[in-house]
Amino acid sequence: MFNRRTFLAGSAALAAAAAMPRVRAAAPQRKRVAFLGTECRVHSHSQHFLDRLTLGYRWGSGWQQPRVDVASVFIDQFPEGDLARERVKRHDLQLYPTIAEALTLGGDKLAVDGVVIIGEHGDYPLNEKGQRLYPRYEWFKEVVKVFEDSGRAVPVFNDKHLSTTWPRCQEMVDDSRRLDFPFLAGSSLPVTWRLPSVDMPLGAPLAESVCVGYGGVDSYDFHGLETAQCMSERRRGGEVGIESVHALRGPAMWEHLATDDRANTRRLMAAALGRSHSLPVTEGYVSDPISVEWAQKVLPDTLAYFIQHRDGFRTTLFMAAIQDFNYAGLRSDNDEIVSCQMFLPMPTYSATTADFFNPLTRHIEEMVLENRAPYPVERTLLTSGMTLAAVDSIHQGYAPVATPEMAVAYQAPEASMFWRD
């Protein structure tokens, strides 16, 4: 029965409870990453990623604050115009002299939740094939040693291709499997905007892929190969590996492309060029249809990589005097062509905001937060291998190169994961 006595007793109990000190629930600890970069200057990859992981980035119609904390920084080189020291001071970060100390925060065991390796840009030597010897493999092995010494491992991101030889690339992937840590690698091309916003269905009946882009050997050619591979891997049956790579340039390339066996490749090249926003302006351009014949006249020194997959699928990368990356794929069921541009607006747009780094930064964060890679590292393993085989083809006088070692099979994820905002 509710009466004055029970009311007073209840009131006293409430007052006593209110007087007791409140125990706040502890906020979940934010994940922390070690940031390893070759150099940090304006428009270098280290600047783009470090700024997004400390300042945030545009996402949708708003601003995304960083979802992980940068616990430590290691920078290898400090050229004129260095921004690393200023960024460290601005964000009250800790700059460490070695990779091991960056991962252990100066202690003797791993003390971070993720590692970001940005081995791009900087003053590093070239080898006899013209490859820039960025220390991605060497840094990765230093990271692995800390993992082994600590008895645990955390997710790792590696910017762009893995290394300069196939055995090193394979070893990096094998290490991630052996120590069972998520490993994400590659560039922004698979996850940037697409114009139009083409989502290649998983299991699509694709017969051939073409990318028409730009860039140097063992450099932006990797971007073009990723442009094609992130679509090709979604074909029916998935990816099964690469059989051979053949690089050809100029007249020899156009002669090979003119053969009867390359009729579909010619169709796809014209379709991909039709997506470009940077075609050279020539007399009669407005009235002349875009065709391989037109391209041969205005883009005569084009370099191509002709890639044969182990299941008969074909990929061709054309690197021409344009400034964008354009994809075209042929459906085997209805002979229709699917095409789009992977929007990496260069060079002027990158001098302003370079928003195409945003989705890749987000995938890095999600890998660390969820302890899983959003898409298979085998994509980067194969595109690294294609790049290296093309370098070998050129170094051997544009001879075809067999690639039995690249028998790498994998399935793409259900979601394409490119930027739609």
Protein backbone atom coordinates (compact mmCIF):
# COMPACT_ATOMS: atom_id res chain seq x y z
CA MET A 1 0.00 0.00 0.00
CA PHE A 2 1.26 3.43 -0.92
CA ASN A 3 1.16 5.79 2.09
CA ARG A 4 3.12 8.61 3.67
CA ARG A 5 5.59 6.20 5.30
CA THR A 6 6.46 4.38 2.05
CA PHE A 7 6.67 7.73 0.23
CA LEU A 8 9.20 9.10 2.78
CA ALA A 9 11.22 5.88 2.68
CA GLY A 10 11.35 5.96 -1.09
CA SER A 11 12.35 9.63 -1.10
CA ALA A 12 15.19 8.96 1.34
CA ALA A 13 16.49 6.14 -0.82
CA LEU A 14 16.44 8.34 -3.90
CA ALA A 15 18.26 11.12 -2.06
CA ALA A 16 20.92 8.68 -0.86
CA ALA A 17 21.41 7.36 -4.35
CA ALA A 18 21.73 10.88 -5.72
CA ALA A 19 24.39 11.71 -3.15
CA MET A 20 26.58 8.76 -4.13
CA PRO A 21 29.43 9.56 -6.57
CA ARG A 22 28.56 8.63 -10.14
CA VAL A 23 30.79 6.16 -11.95
CA ARG A 24 31.09 7.08 -15.61
CA ALA A 25 31.39 4.33 -18.16
CA ALA A 26 34.87 4.38 -19.65
CA ALA A 27 34.93 5.64 -23.22
CA PRO A 28 36.18 3.01 -25.68
CA GLN A 29 39.85 3.55 -26.46
CA ARG A 30 40.48 4.79 -29.98
CA LYS A 31 42.59 2.69 -32.28
CA ARG A 32 46.09 4.01 -32.91
CA VAL A 33 48.28 3.69 -36.00
CA ALA A 34 51.97 4.09 -36.76
CA PHE A 35 52.54 6.23 -39.87
CA LEU A 36 55.66 5.45 -41.95
CA GLY A 37 56.47 7.74 -44.89
CA THR A 38 59.37 8.27 -47.27
CA GLU A 39 58.97 12.07 -47.38
CA CYS A 40 56.23 14.57 -46.56
CA ARG A 41 56.03 17.62 -48.83
CA VAL A 42 53.22 19.37 -50.72
CA HIS A 43 51.21 16.85 -52.80
CA SER A 44 53.32 13.86 -51.78
CA HIS A 45 51.33 10.77 -50.82
CA SER A 46 52.58 11.07 -47.24
CA GLN A 47 51.16 14.59 -47.02
CA HIS A 48 47.78 13.48 -48.40
CA PHE A 49 47.41 10.49 -46.07
CA LEU A 50 48.90 12.08 -42.96
CA ASP A 51 46.67 15.14 -43.28
CA ARG A 52 43.54 13.01 -43.67
CA LEU A 53 44.43 10.79 -40.72
CA THR A 54 45.03 13.85 -38.49
CA LEU A 55 42.71 16.58 -39.85
CA GLY A 56 39.95 14.50 -41.44
CA TYR A 57 38.45 14.58 -44.91
CA ARG A 58 35.29 15.42 -46.83
CA TRP A 59 32.76 12.59 -46.82
CA GLY A 60 29.34 12.96 -48.37
CA SER A 61 28.20 16.53 -47.80
CA GLY A 62 30.05 16.88 -44.49
CA TRP A 63 33.44 16.60 -42.83
CA GLN A 64 34.65 13.29 -41.43
CA GLN A 65 36.87 13.63 -38.37
CA PRO A 66 39.63 11.00 -38.20
CA ARG A 67 38.32 7.73 -36.78
CA VAL A 68 41.76 6.53 -35.65
CA ASP A 69 44.66 8.35 -33.97
CA VAL A 70 48.17 8.69 -35.36
CA ALA A 71 50.24 7.46 -32.42
CA SER A 72 53.66 7.74 -34.05
CA VAL A 73 55.40 8.99 -37.18
CA PHE A 74 58.54 7.80 -38.98
CA ILE A 75 59.76 9.86 -41.96
CA ASP A 76 62.83 8.74 -43.90
CA GLN A 77 63.79 11.92 -45.78
CA PHE A 78 63.40 15.63 -45.10
CA PRO A 79 63.82 17.50 -48.42
CA GLU A 80 63.48 21.22 -49.01
CA GLY A 81 59.84 22.07 -48.42
CA ASP A 82 59.47 19.34 -45.79
CA LEU A 83 56.11 19.39 -44.00
CA ALA A 84 56.68 16.46 -41.64
CA ARG A 85 58.14 18.42 -38.74
CA GLU A 86 55.44 21.09 -39.00
CA ARG A 87 52.68 18.46 -39.05
CA VAL A 88 54.20 16.67 -36.06
CA LYS A 89 54.32 19.92 -34.09
CA ARG A 90 50.84 21.05 -35.15
CA HIS A 91 49.13 17.82 -34.10
CA ASP A 92 51.34 17.11 -31.08
CA LEU A 93 52.58 13.87 -32.63
CA GLN A 94 55.69 11.87 -31.80
CA LEU A 95 58.39 11.54 -34.46
CA TYR A 96 60.55 8.44 -34.01
CA PRO A 97 63.99 7.78 -35.54
CA THR A 98 63.33 4.14 -36.48
CA ILE A 99 60.45 2.02 -37.71
CA ALA A 100 60.72 -0.34 -34.74
CA GLU A 101 60.44 2.55 -32.28
CA ALA A 102 57.44 3.94 -34.16
CA LEU A 103 55.65 0.60 -33.80
CA THR A 104 56.60 0.08 -30.14
CA LEU A 105 56.26 3.76 -29.16
CA GLY A 106 59.81 3.59 -27.88
CA GLY A 107 59.29 0.39 -25.92
CA ASP A 108 60.12 -3.21 -26.70
CA LYS A 109 56.73 -4.56 -27.82
CA LEU A 110 54.16 -3.61 -30.46
CA ALA A 111 52.04 -0.77 -29.07
CA VAL A 112 49.80 0.29 -31.98
CA ASP A 113 46.68 -1.10 -33.65
CA GLY A 114 47.67 -0.59 -37.28
CA VAL A 115 50.53 0.38 -39.58
CA VAL A 116 50.36 2.69 -42.60
CA ILE A 117 53.31 2.41 -45.04
CA ILE A 118 53.53 5.23 -47.59
CA GLY A 119 56.64 4.36 -49.61
CA GLU A 120 56.05 6.77 -52.49
CA HIS A 121 58.08 9.84 -53.54
CA GLY A 122 61.55 10.70 -52.29
CA ASP A 123 65.14 10.54 -53.46
CA TYR A 124 65.77 6.83 -54.07
CA PRO A 125 68.00 5.21 -56.70
CA LEU A 126 66.94 3.56 -59.95
CA ASN A 127 67.99 0.04 -60.91
CA GLU A 128 69.15 -1.07 -64.35
CA LYS A 129 65.53 -1.53 -65.47
CA GLY A 130 64.57 2.01 -64.50
CA GLN A 131 62.59 1.01 -61.42
CA ARG A 132 62.62 3.42 -58.48
CA LEU A 133 63.80 1.44 -55.45
CA TYR A 134 61.33 2.61 -52.85
CA PRO A 135 61.89 0.74 -49.56
CA ARG A 136 58.40 -0.78 -49.30
CA TYR A 137 59.62 -4.36 -48.98
CA GLU A 138 62.39 -3.47 -46.53
CA TRP A 139 60.02 -1.46 -44.33
CA PHE A 140 57.40 -4.19 -44.45
CA LYS A 141 59.97 -6.73 -43.26
CA GLU A 142 60.94 -4.43 -40.36
CA VAL A 143 57.26 -4.27 -39.43
CA VAL A 144 56.97 -8.06 -39.62
CA LYS A 145 59.99 -8.45 -37.34
CA VAL A 146 58.31 -6.30 -34.67
CA PHE A 147 55.19 -8.44 -35.04
CA GLU A 148 57.21 -11.64 -34.60
CA ASP A 149 59.14 -10.28 -31.61
CA SER A 150 55.90 -9.10 -29.98
CA GLY A 151 53.94 -12.29 -30.56
CA ARG A 152 51.06 -10.46 -32.23
CA ALA A 153 50.27 -8.59 -35.45
CA VAL A 154 47.96 -5.77 -36.54
CA PRO A 155 46.55 -4.59 -39.90
CA VAL A 156 48.97 -3.10 -42.43
CA PHE A 157 48.35 -0.80 -45.41
CA ASN A 158 50.95 -0.50 -48.20
CA ASP A 159 50.56 2.35 -50.68
CA LYS A 160 50.62 1.36 -54.40
CA HIS A 161 52.41 -1.76 -55.68
CA LEU A 162 54.27 -4.03 -53.34
CA SER A 163 57.90 -4.18 -54.49
CA THR A 164 60.23 -4.41 -57.50
CA THR A 165 60.53 -8.21 -57.84
CA TRP A 166 57.90 -10.93 -57.84
CA PRO A 167 59.52 -13.03 -55.06
CA ARG A 168 59.46 -10.00 -52.74
CA CYS A 169 55.83 -9.22 -53.58
CA GLN A 170 54.84 -12.83 -52.95
CA GLU A 171 56.81 -12.93 -49.70
CA MET A 172 54.95 -9.89 -48.36
CA VAL A 173 51.59 -11.55 -49.00
CA ASP A 174 52.86 -14.85 -47.56
CA ASP A 175 53.99 -13.04 -44.39
CA SER A 176 50.52 -11.58 -43.91
CA ARG A 177 49.00 -15.04 -44.20
CA ARG A 178 51.62 -16.67 -41.97
CA LEU A 179 51.10 -14.13 -39.18
CA ASP A 180 47.37 -13.79 -39.92
CA PHE A 181 47.05 -10.02 -40.16
CA PRO A 182 44.85 -8.00 -42.56
CA PHE A 183 46.92 -6.62 -45.44
CA LEU A 184 45.54 -3.87 -47.71
CA ALA A 185 47.51 -2.37 -50.59
CA GLY A 186 47.14 -0.50 -53.84
CA SER A 187 46.09 2.93 -55.04
CA SER A 188 43.01 5.14 -55.22
CA LEU A 189 41.89 4.03 -58.70
CA PRO A 190 39.64 1.10 -57.68
CA VAL A 191 37.83 3.18 -55.04
CA THR A 192 37.61 6.66 -56.59
CA TRP A 193 34.53 8.08 -58.38
CA ARG A 194 33.40 6.54 -61.67
CA LEU A 195 31.92 8.58 -64.50
CA PRO A 196 29.28 7.28 -65.05
CA SER A 197 28.84 5.38 -61.78
CA VAL A 198 29.20 1.90 -63.28
CA ASP A 199 29.05 -1.00 -60.84
CA MET A 200 30.29 -4.16 -62.55
CA PRO A 201 28.12 -7.01 -61.19
CA LEU A 202 29.95 -9.82 -59.47
CA GLY A 203 29.95 -12.76 -61.88
CA ALA A 204 29.59 -10.56 -64.95
CA PRO A 205 30.12 -12.34 -68.31
CA LEU A 206 33.23 -10.36 -69.27
CA ALA A 207 35.50 -11.45 -72.10
CA GLU A 208 38.08 -8.65 -72.26
CA SER A 209 39.13 -5.43 -70.51
CA VAL A 210 40.93 -2.33 -71.73
CA CYS A 211 42.22 0.74 -69.92
CA VAL A 212 43.43 3.83 -71.77
CA GLY A 213 45.40 6.02 -69.38
CA TYR A 214 48.78 7.64 -68.97
CA GLY A 215 51.97 7.49 -66.95
CA GLY A 216 55.48 6.19 -66.86
CA VAL A 217 56.81 2.65 -66.61
CA ASP A 218 56.71 1.19 -63.08
CA SER A 219 54.79 4.29 -62.02
CA TYR A 220 51.35 5.33 -63.23
CA ASP A 221 51.10 2.18 -65.33
CA PHE A 222 50.18 0.56 -62.02
CA HIS A 223 47.15 2.90 -61.81
CA GLY A 224 46.01 1.82 -65.25
CA LEU A 225 46.37 -1.86 -64.41
CA GLU A 226 44.32 -1.39 -61.23
CA THR A 227 41.68 0.46 -63.27
CA ALA A 228 41.23 -2.65 -65.38
CA GLN A 229 41.77 -5.30 -62.71
CA CYS A 230 39.15 -4.03 -60.25
CA MET A 231 36.61 -4.67 -63.04
CA SER A 232 38.15 -7.81 -64.59
CA GLU A 233 38.31 -9.63 -61.24
CA ARG A 234 34.50 -9.49 -61.06
CA ARG A 235 34.08 -11.70 -64.13
CA ARG A 236 32.34 -15.04 -63.97
CA GLY A 237 34.64 -17.54 -62.27
CA GLY A 238 36.80 -14.86 -60.65
CA GLU A 239 40.47 -14.19 -61.22
CA VAL A 240 42.75 -17.16 -61.99
CA GLY A 241 46.11 -15.51 -62.67
CA ILE A 242 48.31 -14.23 -65.48
CA GLU A 243 49.93 -16.29 -68.25
CA SER A 244 52.00 -13.68 -70.08
CA VAL A 245 52.67 -9.94 -70.52
CA HIS A 246 53.93 -8.26 -73.70
CA ALA A 247 54.82 -4.56 -73.88
CA LEU A 248 54.88 -2.79 -77.26
CA ARG A 249 55.31 0.86 -78.20
CA GLY A 250 54.63 3.05 -81.22
CA PRO A 251 54.55 1.48 -84.72
CA ALA A 252 55.06 -2.07 -83.43
CA MET A 253 52.14 -1.65 -81.04
CA TRP A 254 49.81 -0.29 -83.74
CA GLU A 255 50.82 -3.11 -86.09
CA HIS A 256 49.98 -5.72 -83.43
CA LEU A 257 46.69 -3.98 -82.64
CA ALA A 258 45.70 -4.04 -86.34
CA THR A 259 45.69 -7.86 -86.55
CA ASP A 260 42.41 -9.73 -86.99
CA ASP A 261 42.87 -11.27 -83.55
CA ARG A 262 42.63 -7.82 -81.93
CA ALA A 263 39.31 -6.61 -83.37
CA ASN A 264 37.62 -6.53 -79.95
CA THR A 265 40.62 -4.81 -78.39
CA ARG A 266 40.29 -2.06 -81.00
CA ARG A 267 36.59 -1.64 -80.21
CA LEU A 268 37.34 -1.38 -76.52
CA MET A 269 40.16 1.11 -77.04
CA ALA A 270 37.84 3.42 -78.96
CA ALA A 271 35.13 3.08 -76.30
CA ALA A 272 37.59 3.87 -73.49
CA LEU A 273 38.90 6.91 -75.38
CA GLY A 274 35.30 8.06 -75.65
CA ARG A 275 35.23 8.43 -71.85
CA SER A 276 38.32 10.63 -71.72
CA HIS A 277 38.09 14.30 -70.75
CA SER A 278 41.58 15.12 -72.02
CA LEU A 279 41.82 14.05 -75.64
CA PRO A 280 44.14 16.25 -77.71
CA VAL A 281 42.38 18.87 -79.83
CA THR A 282 43.13 18.29 -83.51
CA GLU A 283 41.80 19.64 -86.79
CA GLY A 284 38.53 17.92 -87.59
CA TYR A 285 38.18 16.55 -84.06
CA VAL A 286 34.56 17.67 -83.71
CA SER A 287 33.38 15.89 -86.83
CA ASP A 288 35.69 12.87 -86.81
CA PRO A 289 34.50 9.89 -84.74
CA ILE A 290 36.90 8.61 -82.09
CA SER A 291 38.50 5.51 -83.54
CA VAL A 292 41.72 3.54 -83.43
CA GLU A 293 42.70 5.15 -86.74
CA TRP A 294 42.21 8.59 -85.21
CA ALA A 295 44.19 7.56 -82.12
CA GLN A 296 47.06 6.26 -84.23
CA LYS A 297 47.35 9.66 -85.92
CA VAL A 298 47.18 11.85 -82.80
CA LEU A 299 48.65 9.45 -80.19
CA PRO A 300 51.38 7.72 -82.24
CA ASP A 301 53.84 6.94 -79.42
CA THR A 302 51.34 5.04 -77.28
CA LEU A 303 52.79 2.27 -75.09
CA ALA A 304 50.65 -0.83 -74.50
CA TYR A 305 50.78 -3.85 -72.20
CA PHE A 306 49.03 -6.89 -73.72
CA ILE A 307 48.16 -9.24 -70.86
CA GLN A 308 46.93 -12.81 -71.24
CA HIS A 309 45.12 -14.35 -68.26
CA ARG A 310 45.28 -18.09 -67.58
CA ASP A 311 41.61 -18.60 -68.49
CA GLY A 312 41.86 -16.88 -71.89
CA PHE A 313 40.68 -13.50 -70.62
CA ARG A 314 42.55 -10.49 -71.99
CA THR A 315 43.58 -7.16 -70.48
CA THR A 316 45.24 -4.38 -72.43
CA LEU A 317 46.62 -1.17 -70.95
CA PHE A 318 47.29 1.70 -73.34
CA MET A 319 49.35 4.61 -72.02
CA ALA A 320 48.88 7.63 -74.23
CA ALA A 321 49.27 11.41 -74.23
CA ILE A 322 46.08 12.02 -72.23
CA GLN A 323 45.49 12.85 -68.56
CA ASP A 324 42.87 10.41 -67.22
CA PHE A 325 42.12 6.70 -66.76
CA ASN A 326 39.30 5.19 -68.80
CA TYR A 327 37.92 1.64 -68.76
CA ALA A 328 35.99 -0.43 -71.29
CA GLY A 329 34.95 -4.06 -70.93
CA LEU A 330 33.28 -6.45 -73.39
CA ARG A 331 30.36 -8.64 -72.30
CA SER A 332 30.51 -12.12 -73.80
CA ASP A 333 26.73 -12.73 -73.58
CA ASN A 334 25.44 -9.82 -75.68
CA ASP A 335 28.60 -8.25 -77.21
CA GLU A 336 27.89 -4.98 -75.42
CA ILE A 337 30.62 -2.68 -74.08
CA VAL A 338 30.60 -1.32 -70.51
CA SER A 339 32.72 1.81 -70.06
CA CYS A 340 33.49 4.58 -67.58
CA GLN A 341 36.25 6.86 -66.35
CA MET A 342 37.92 6.21 -62.99
CA PHE A 343 38.06 9.83 -61.88
CA LEU A 344 41.58 10.72 -60.80
CA PRO A 345 41.62 14.38 -61.88
CA MET A 346 45.21 15.32 -62.62
CA PRO A 347 47.30 17.36 -62.65
CA THR A 348 45.53 20.62 -61.77
CA TYR A 349 42.84 19.22 -59.47
CA SER A 350 45.39 17.55 -57.20
CA ALA A 351 46.86 20.97 -56.46
CA THR A 352 43.62 21.93 -54.70
CA THR A 353 41.92 19.20 -52.72
CA ALA A 354 42.79 15.77 -54.21
CA ASP A 355 39.59 14.31 -52.76
CA PHE A 356 40.28 11.03 -54.54
CA PHE A 357 42.48 10.12 -51.54
CA ASN A 358 39.41 10.22 -49.26
CA PRO A 359 37.86 6.82 -50.01
CA LEU A 360 41.19 5.00 -49.70
CA THR A 361 41.81 6.72 -46.35
CA ARG A 362 38.37 5.56 -45.23
CA HIS A 363 39.13 1.96 -46.21
CA ILE A 364 42.37 2.15 -44.22
CA GLU A 365 40.45 3.34 -41.17
CA GLU A 366 37.84 0.62 -41.56
CA MET A 367 40.50 -2.08 -41.85
CA VAL A 368 42.03 -0.94 -38.54
CA LEU A 369 38.66 -0.53 -36.82
CA GLU A 370 37.20 -3.86 -38.02
CA ASN A 371 40.45 -5.87 -38.21
CA ARG A 372 39.79 -7.03 -41.76
CA ALA A 373 40.85 -5.90 -45.22
CA PRO A 374 37.95 -4.61 -47.33
CA TYR A 375 39.21 -6.26 -50.52
CA PRO A 376 41.81 -8.94 -51.31
CA VAL A 377 45.51 -8.05 -51.36
CA GLU A 378 45.79 -10.57 -54.21
CA ARG A 379 44.54 -7.80 -56.50
CA THR A 380 47.61 -5.74 -55.66
CA LEU A 381 49.85 -8.81 -55.84
CA LEU A 382 48.73 -9.46 -59.43
CA THR A 383 48.79 -5.83 -60.56
CA SER A 384 52.28 -5.55 -59.04
CA GLY A 385 53.27 -8.64 -61.01
CA MET A 386 51.80 -7.31 -64.25
CA THR A 387 53.77 -4.09 -63.78
CA LEU A 388 57.00 -5.98 -63.12
CA ALA A 389 56.51 -8.31 -66.09
CA ALA A 390 55.91 -5.30 -68.35
CA VAL A 391 59.14 -3.75 -67.07
CA ASP A 392 60.93 -7.01 -67.93
CA SER A 393 59.33 -7.08 -71.39
CA ILE A 394 60.60 -3.57 -72.14
CA HIS A 395 64.03 -4.35 -70.66
CA GLN A 396 64.25 -7.42 -72.94
CA GLY A 397 63.60 -5.37 -76.07
CA TYR A 398 59.80 -5.54 -75.98
CA ALA A 399 59.73 -9.33 -75.94
CA PRO A 400 56.77 -11.29 -74.54
CA VAL A 401 57.32 -12.51 -70.97
CA ALA A 402 55.78 -15.74 -69.67
CA THR A 403 54.57 -15.53 -66.06
CA PRO A 404 53.94 -19.06 -64.71
CA GLU A 405 54.65 -17.78 -61.19
CA MET A 406 51.55 -15.57 -61.34
CA ALA A 407 49.03 -18.40 -60.95
CA VAL A 408 47.15 -16.37 -58.34
CA ALA A 409 43.43 -17.12 -58.05
CA TYR A 410 41.02 -15.09 -55.93
CA GLN A 411 37.42 -13.90 -55.73
CA ALA A 412 36.42 -10.24 -55.58
CA PRO A 413 34.15 -9.09 -52.74
CA GLU A 414 30.42 -8.67 -53.33
CA ALA A 415 30.62 -4.87 -53.06
CA SER A 416 32.71 -2.86 -55.53
CA MET A 417 33.57 -0.26 -52.84
CA PHE A 418 34.13 2.69 -55.14
CA TRP A 419 33.15 6.24 -54.08
CA ARG A 420 29.56 7.22 -54.86
CA ASP A 421 29.16 10.34 -52.65
